[in-house]
Amino acid sequence: MNRYFYIDAEGKQKGTFSPDELRQEIVKPETLVWTQGMEQWKRADEVAELSFLFSGSAVAHETEQSVEVLQSQSNRPATPYGSHPPQPMPKTWLVESILVTILPFILCSSFLSLLGIIGIVYASQVESFFNRGDYAASAEASRSAAKWIKIALWIAIGWVLLIVITIILLFVFVGSVAGIGELLNT
């Protein structure tokens, strides 16, 4: 049995679903679907394996009854995704991870850029997981990206402060040595 992807009403790719699982999704005859072995996306009513989704009024009647049951079980209107509205994509943190990778390298040529690269890897996974329909993995990748970005940022701030304090102390020391030298010469 094939597993199908489809393009929802908002233009986002969803999947994968078995033909039976597509029955619970809002798949119309004009919905674009794709499965392994297809050269390109096709309308759902053009795929023989999915023809049962659109055959006759029995299916339409069953779908209407399912919607009524969902509406009666919850005191809110049914959504195309069942009783739960779709969740927004978690923050990717991609821009922040790129900045945390580049800025420490420019400011202090440190190894902290490696921590930013870890953040970039996790940040690039957020949208990929979300588009596959795996919201939990997408949220976890977002949390991991945020964690590595914050670690790299705080270490970089500490590193820069340490350099600034070292420079200030160096000037104070050189100034005090110069002042002692002047006192000894007079």
C-alpha atoms as a PDB file:
ATOM      1  CA  MET A   1       0.000   0.000   0.000  1.00  0.00           C
ATOM      2  CA  ASN A   2       1.389   3.397  -1.003  1.00  0.00           C
ATOM      3  CA  ARG A   3       1.903   6.327   1.370  1.00  0.00           C
ATOM      4  CA  TYR A   4       0.789   9.688  -0.033  1.00  0.00           C
ATOM      5  CA  PHE A   5       1.717  13.319   0.407  1.00  0.00           C
ATOM      6  CA  TYR A   6      -0.859  15.978  -0.402  1.00  0.00           C
ATOM      7  CA  ILE A   7      -1.010  19.764  -0.706  1.00  0.00           C
ATOM      8  CA  ASP A   8      -3.564  21.276   1.698  1.00  0.00           C
ATOM      9  CA  ALA A   9      -5.781  24.319   1.101  1.00  0.00           C
ATOM     10  CA  GLU A  10      -3.032  26.627   2.412  1.00  0.00           C
ATOM     11  CA  GLY A  11      -0.498  25.232  -0.088  1.00  0.00           C
ATOM     12  CA  LYS A  12       1.515  23.295   2.501  1.00  0.00           C
ATOM     13  CA  GLN A  13       2.712  19.757   1.939  1.00  0.00           C
ATOM     14  CA  LYS A  14       1.297  17.162   4.354  1.00  0.00           C
ATOM     15  CA  GLY A  15       2.149  13.522   4.636  1.00  0.00           C
ATOM     16  CA  THR A  16       2.643  10.715   4.551  1.00  0.00           C
ATOM     17  CA  PHE A  17      -0.758   9.030   4.707  1.00  0.00           C
ATOM     18  CA  SER A  18      -2.156   5.686   3.666  1.00  0.00           C
ATOM     19  CA  PRO A  19      -5.253   5.824   1.433  1.00  0.00           C
ATOM     20  CA  ASP A  20      -7.407   4.982   4.473  1.00  0.00           C
ATOM     21  CA  GLU A  21      -5.788   7.765   6.512  1.00  0.00           C
ATOM     22  CA  LEU A  22      -6.475  10.222   3.684  1.00  0.00           C
ATOM     23  CA  ARG A  23     -10.169   9.611   4.344  1.00  0.00           C
ATOM     24  CA  GLN A  24      -9.819  11.548   7.655  1.00  0.00           C
ATOM     25  CA  GLU A  25      -7.969  14.407   5.937  1.00  0.00           C
ATOM     26  CA  ILE A  26      -9.760  17.000   3.850  1.00  0.00           C
ATOM     27  CA  VAL A  27      -8.811  15.648   0.439  1.00  0.00           C
ATOM     28  CA  LYS A  28     -10.957  16.857  -2.446  1.00  0.00           C
ATOM     29  CA  PRO A  29     -10.891  15.534  -6.002  1.00  0.00           C
ATOM     30  CA  GLU A  30      -8.757  18.509  -7.095  1.00  0.00           C
ATOM     31  CA  THR A  31      -6.257  18.114  -4.214  1.00  0.00           C
ATOM     32  CA  LEU A  32      -2.741  17.410  -5.497  1.00  0.00           C
ATOM     33  CA  VAL A  33      -1.221  14.132  -4.250  1.00  0.00           C
ATOM     34  CA  TRP A  34       2.099  12.365  -4.766  1.00  0.00           C
ATOM     35  CA  THR A  35       3.578   9.012  -3.833  1.00  0.00           C
ATOM     36  CA  GLN A  36       6.814   7.224  -4.580  1.00  0.00           C
ATOM     37  CA  GLY A  37       6.903   6.126  -8.210  1.00  0.00           C
ATOM     38  CA  MET A  38       4.933   9.096  -9.544  1.00  0.00           C
ATOM     39  CA  GLU A  39       6.781  11.454 -11.859  1.00  0.00           C
ATOM     40  CA  GLN A  40       4.795  14.488 -10.736  1.00  0.00           C
ATOM     41  CA  TRP A  41       1.926  15.574  -8.511  1.00  0.00           C
ATOM     42  CA  LYS A  42      -1.544  14.512  -9.682  1.00  0.00           C
ATOM     43  CA  ARG A  43      -5.078  15.404  -8.785  1.00  0.00           C
ATOM     44  CA  ALA A  44      -6.456  12.937  -6.234  1.00  0.00           C
ATOM     45  CA  ASP A  45      -9.338  11.928  -8.508  1.00  0.00           C
ATOM     46  CA  GLU A  46      -6.783  10.890 -11.194  1.00  0.00           C
ATOM     47  CA  VAL A  47      -5.158   8.285  -8.903  1.00  0.00           C
ATOM     48  CA  ALA A  48      -6.882   4.907  -9.186  1.00  0.00           C
ATOM     49  CA  GLU A  49      -5.925   3.810  -5.651  1.00  0.00           C
ATOM     50  CA  LEU A  50      -7.713   6.871  -4.218  1.00  0.00           C
ATOM     51  CA  SER A  51     -10.894   6.626  -6.283  1.00  0.00           C
ATOM     52  CA  PHE A  52     -12.795   5.171  -3.315  1.00  0.00           C
ATOM     53  CA  LEU A  53     -12.455   8.557  -1.556  1.00  0.00           C
ATOM     54  CA  PHE A  54     -14.766  10.201  -4.086  1.00  0.00           C
ATOM     55  CA  SER A  55     -17.112   7.388  -5.091  1.00  0.00           C
ATOM     56  CA  GLY A  56     -20.752   8.080  -4.381  1.00  0.00           C
ATOM     57  CA  SER A  57     -22.766   9.737  -1.696  1.00  0.00           C
ATOM     58  CA  ALA A  58     -22.078   7.066   0.935  1.00  0.00           C
ATOM     59  CA  VAL A  59     -18.637   8.505   1.525  1.00  0.00           C
ATOM     60  CA  ALA A  60     -19.949  12.070   1.596  1.00  0.00           C
ATOM     61  CA  HIS A  61     -22.668  11.055   4.036  1.00  0.00           C
ATOM     62  CA  GLU A  62     -20.118   9.245   6.257  1.00  0.00           C
ATOM     63  CA  THR A  63     -17.905  12.352   6.249  1.00  0.00           C
ATOM     64  CA  GLU A  64     -20.833  14.600   7.208  1.00  0.00           C
ATOM     65  CA  GLN A  65     -21.709  12.264  10.081  1.00  0.00           C
ATOM     66  CA  SER A  66     -18.077  12.317  11.291  1.00  0.00           C
ATOM     67  CA  VAL A  67     -18.099  16.122  11.299  1.00  0.00           C
ATOM     68  CA  GLU A  68     -21.377  16.184  13.236  1.00  0.00           C
ATOM     69  CA  VAL A  69     -19.974  13.735  15.819  1.00  0.00           C
ATOM     70  CA  LEU A  70     -16.850  15.883  16.227  1.00  0.00           C
ATOM     71  CA  GLN A  71     -18.963  19.008  16.654  1.00  0.00           C
ATOM     72  CA  SER A  72     -21.199  17.364  19.226  1.00  0.00           C
ATOM     73  CA  GLN A  73     -18.234  15.994  21.203  1.00  0.00           C
ATOM     74  CA  SER A  74     -16.523  19.347  21.427  1.00  0.00           C
ATOM     75  CA  ASN A  75     -18.323  22.631  21.888  1.00  0.00           C
ATOM     76  CA  ARG A  76     -16.357  24.263  19.104  1.00  0.00           C
ATOM     77  CA  PRO A  77     -16.728  23.960  15.346  1.00  0.00           C
ATOM     78  CA  ALA A  78     -14.827  21.136  13.699  1.00  0.00           C
ATOM     79  CA  THR A  79     -11.710  22.099  11.792  1.00  0.00           C
ATOM     80  CA  PRO A  80     -10.264  20.406   8.738  1.00  0.00           C
ATOM     81  CA  TYR A  81      -7.697  18.814  11.061  1.00  0.00           C
ATOM     82  CA  GLY A  82     -10.132  17.115  13.402  1.00  0.00           C
ATOM     83  CA  SER A  83     -10.704  18.584  16.845  1.00  0.00           C
ATOM     84  CA  HIS A  84      -7.270  20.267  17.040  1.00  0.00           C
ATOM     85  CA  PRO A  85      -6.401  23.373  15.025  1.00  0.00           C
ATOM     86  CA  PRO A  86      -3.093  23.260  13.151  1.00  0.00           C
ATOM     87  CA  GLN A  87      -0.096  24.410  15.170  1.00  0.00           C
ATOM     88  CA  PRO A  88       2.189  27.147  13.869  1.00  0.00           C
ATOM     89  CA  MET A  89       5.740  26.271  12.888  1.00  0.00           C
ATOM     90  CA  PRO A  90       8.190  26.727  15.785  1.00  0.00           C
ATOM     91  CA  LYS A  91      10.809  29.453  15.479  1.00  0.00           C
ATOM     92  CA  THR A  92      13.718  28.275  13.324  1.00  0.00           C
ATOM     93  CA  TRP A  93      16.489  30.389  14.945  1.00  0.00           C
ATOM     94  CA  LEU A  94      18.406  30.215  11.649  1.00  0.00           C
ATOM     95  CA  VAL A  95      19.340  33.913  11.419  1.00  0.00           C
ATOM     96  CA  GLU A  96      20.452  33.976  15.049  1.00  0.00           C
ATOM     97  CA  SER A  97      22.533  30.836  14.648  1.00  0.00           C
ATOM     98  CA  ILE A  98      24.287  32.269  11.598  1.00  0.00           C
ATOM     99  CA  LEU A  99      25.070  35.486  13.478  1.00  0.00           C
ATOM    100  CA  VAL A 100      26.346  33.573  16.510  1.00  0.00           C
ATOM    101  CA  THR A 101      28.582  31.601  14.171  1.00  0.00           C
ATOM    102  CA  ILE A 102      30.029  34.580  12.286  1.00  0.00           C
ATOM    103  CA  LEU A 103      30.334  37.299  14.947  1.00  0.00           C
ATOM    104  CA  PRO A 104      32.553  35.467  17.476  1.00  0.00           C
ATOM    105  CA  PHE A 105      34.897  34.496  14.661  1.00  0.00           C
ATOM    106  CA  ILE A 106      35.147  38.115  13.485  1.00  0.00           C
ATOM    107  CA  LEU A 107      35.486  39.584  16.978  1.00  0.00           C
ATOM    108  CA  CYS A 108      37.904  37.185  18.590  1.00  0.00           C
ATOM    109  CA  SER A 109      38.753  34.398  16.136  1.00  0.00           C
ATOM    110  CA  SER A 110      37.569  31.821  18.599  1.00  0.00           C
ATOM    111  CA  PHE A 111      36.383  28.259  18.478  1.00  0.00           C
ATOM    112  CA  LEU A 112      32.915  29.514  19.536  1.00  0.00           C
ATOM    113  CA  SER A 113      31.879  29.475  15.902  1.00  0.00           C
ATOM    114  CA  LEU A 114      31.691  25.691  16.213  1.00  0.00           C
ATOM    115  CA  LEU A 115      28.871  26.048  18.746  1.00  0.00           C
ATOM    116  CA  GLY A 116      27.024  28.262  16.264  1.00  0.00           C
ATOM    117  CA  ILE A 117      27.361  25.569  13.606  1.00  0.00           C
ATOM    118  CA  ILE A 118      25.579  23.128  15.924  1.00  0.00           C
ATOM    119  CA  GLY A 119      22.806  25.733  16.215  1.00  0.00           C
ATOM    120  CA  ILE A 120      22.621  26.027  12.410  1.00  0.00           C
ATOM    121  CA  VAL A 121      22.219  22.251  12.061  1.00  0.00           C
ATOM    122  CA  TYR A 122      19.292  22.167  14.495  1.00  0.00           C
ATOM    123  CA  ALA A 123      17.762  25.346  13.037  1.00  0.00           C
ATOM    124  CA  SER A 124      17.770  23.867   9.541  1.00  0.00           C
ATOM    125  CA  GLN A 125      15.867  20.805  10.793  1.00  0.00           C
ATOM    126  CA  VAL A 126      12.919  22.780  12.207  1.00  0.00           C
ATOM    127  CA  GLU A 127      11.175  23.520   8.913  1.00  0.00           C
ATOM    128  CA  SER A 128      11.993  20.107   7.470  1.00  0.00           C
ATOM    129  CA  PHE A 129      10.353  18.267  10.375  1.00  0.00           C
ATOM    130  CA  PHE A 130       7.385  20.653  10.347  1.00  0.00           C
ATOM    131  CA  ASN A 131       6.759  20.136   6.613  1.00  0.00           C
ATOM    132  CA  ARG A 132       6.769  16.371   7.150  1.00  0.00           C
ATOM    133  CA  GLY A 133       4.055  16.803   9.767  1.00  0.00           C
ATOM    134  CA  ASP A 134       6.271  15.892  12.740  1.00  0.00           C
ATOM    135  CA  TYR A 135       5.501  18.836  15.025  1.00  0.00           C
ATOM    136  CA  ALA A 136       7.138  17.279  18.116  1.00  0.00           C
ATOM    137  CA  ALA A 137      10.482  16.790  16.340  1.00  0.00           C
ATOM    138  CA  SER A 138      10.211  20.297  14.884  1.00  0.00           C
ATOM    139  CA  ALA A 139       9.647  21.814  18.331  1.00  0.00           C
ATOM    140  CA  GLU A 140      12.535  19.800  19.800  1.00  0.00           C
ATOM    141  CA  ALA A 141      14.886  20.945  17.005  1.00  0.00           C
ATOM    142  CA  SER A 142      13.810  24.544  17.693  1.00  0.00           C
ATOM    143  CA  ARG A 143      14.531  24.159  21.425  1.00  0.00           C
ATOM    144  CA  SER A 144      17.934  22.605  20.710  1.00  0.00           C
ATOM    145  CA  ALA A 145      18.852  25.379  18.266  1.00  0.00           C
ATOM    146  CA  ALA A 146      17.857  28.020  20.824  1.00  0.00           C
ATOM    147  CA  LYS A 147      19.897  26.264  23.529  1.00  0.00           C
ATOM    148  CA  TRP A 148      23.097  26.134  21.449  1.00  0.00           C
ATOM    149  CA  ILE A 149      22.678  29.722  20.270  1.00  0.00           C
ATOM    150  CA  LYS A 150      22.283  30.972  23.836  1.00  0.00           C
ATOM    151  CA  ILE A 151      25.294  28.961  25.036  1.00  0.00           C
ATOM    152  CA  ALA A 152      27.473  30.334  22.231  1.00  0.00           C
ATOM    153  CA  LEU A 153      26.181  33.877  22.768  1.00  0.00           C
ATOM    154  CA  TRP A 154      26.878  33.951  26.502  1.00  0.00           C
ATOM    155  CA  ILE A 155      30.322  32.414  26.101  1.00  0.00           C
ATOM    156  CA  ALA A 156      31.113  34.970  23.371  1.00  0.00           C
ATOM    157  CA  ILE A 157      29.925  37.839  25.577  1.00  0.00           C
ATOM    158  CA  GLY A 158      32.089  36.535  28.430  1.00  0.00           C
ATOM    159  CA  TRP A 159      35.059  36.148  26.072  1.00  0.00           C
ATOM    160  CA  VAL A 160      34.707  39.717  24.755  1.00  0.00           C
ATOM    161  CA  LEU A 161      34.333  41.097  28.309  1.00  0.00           C
ATOM    162  CA  LEU A 162      37.442  39.200  29.376  1.00  0.00           C
ATOM    163  CA  ILE A 163      39.401  40.717  26.484  1.00  0.00           C
ATOM    164  CA  VAL A 164      38.141  44.237  27.292  1.00  0.00           C
ATOM    165  CA  ILE A 165      38.997  43.860  30.992  1.00  0.00           C
ATOM    166  CA  THR A 166      42.456  42.525  30.077  1.00  0.00           C
ATOM    167  CA  ILE A 167      43.125  45.514  27.811  1.00  0.00           C
ATOM    168  CA  ILE A 168      41.965  47.974  30.488  1.00  0.00           C
ATOM    169  CA  LEU A 169      44.148  46.314  33.132  1.00  0.00           C
ATOM    170  CA  LEU A 170      47.087  46.350  30.732  1.00  0.00           C
ATOM    171  CA  PHE A 171      46.716  50.108  30.169  1.00  0.00           C
ATOM    172  CA  VAL A 172      46.382  50.708  33.919  1.00  0.00           C
ATOM    173  CA  PHE A 173      49.498  48.619  34.595  1.00  0.00           C
ATOM    174  CA  VAL A 174      51.520  50.332  31.851  1.00  0.00           C
ATOM    175  CA  GLY A 175      50.333  53.727  33.099  1.00  0.00           C
ATOM    176  CA  SER A 176      51.274  52.954  36.671  1.00  0.00           C
ATOM    177  CA  VAL A 177      54.713  51.643  35.629  1.00  0.00           C
ATOM    178  CA  ALA A 178      55.260  54.833  33.593  1.00  0.00           C
ATOM    179  CA  GLY A 179      54.192  56.932  36.588  1.00  0.00           C
ATOM    180  CA  ILE A 180      56.621  55.082  38.874  1.00  0.00           C
ATOM    181  CA  GLY A 181      59.383  55.592  36.301  1.00  0.00           C
ATOM    182  CA  GLU A 182      58.760  59.337  36.284  1.00  0.00           C
ATOM    183  CA  LEU A 183      58.877  59.472  40.065  1.00  0.00           C
ATOM    184  CA  LEU A 184      62.189  57.630  40.132  1.00  0.00           C
ATOM    185  CA  ASN A 185      63.739  59.942  37.503  1.00  0.00           C
ATOM    186  CA  THR A 186      62.943  63.154  39.405  1.00  0.00           C
END
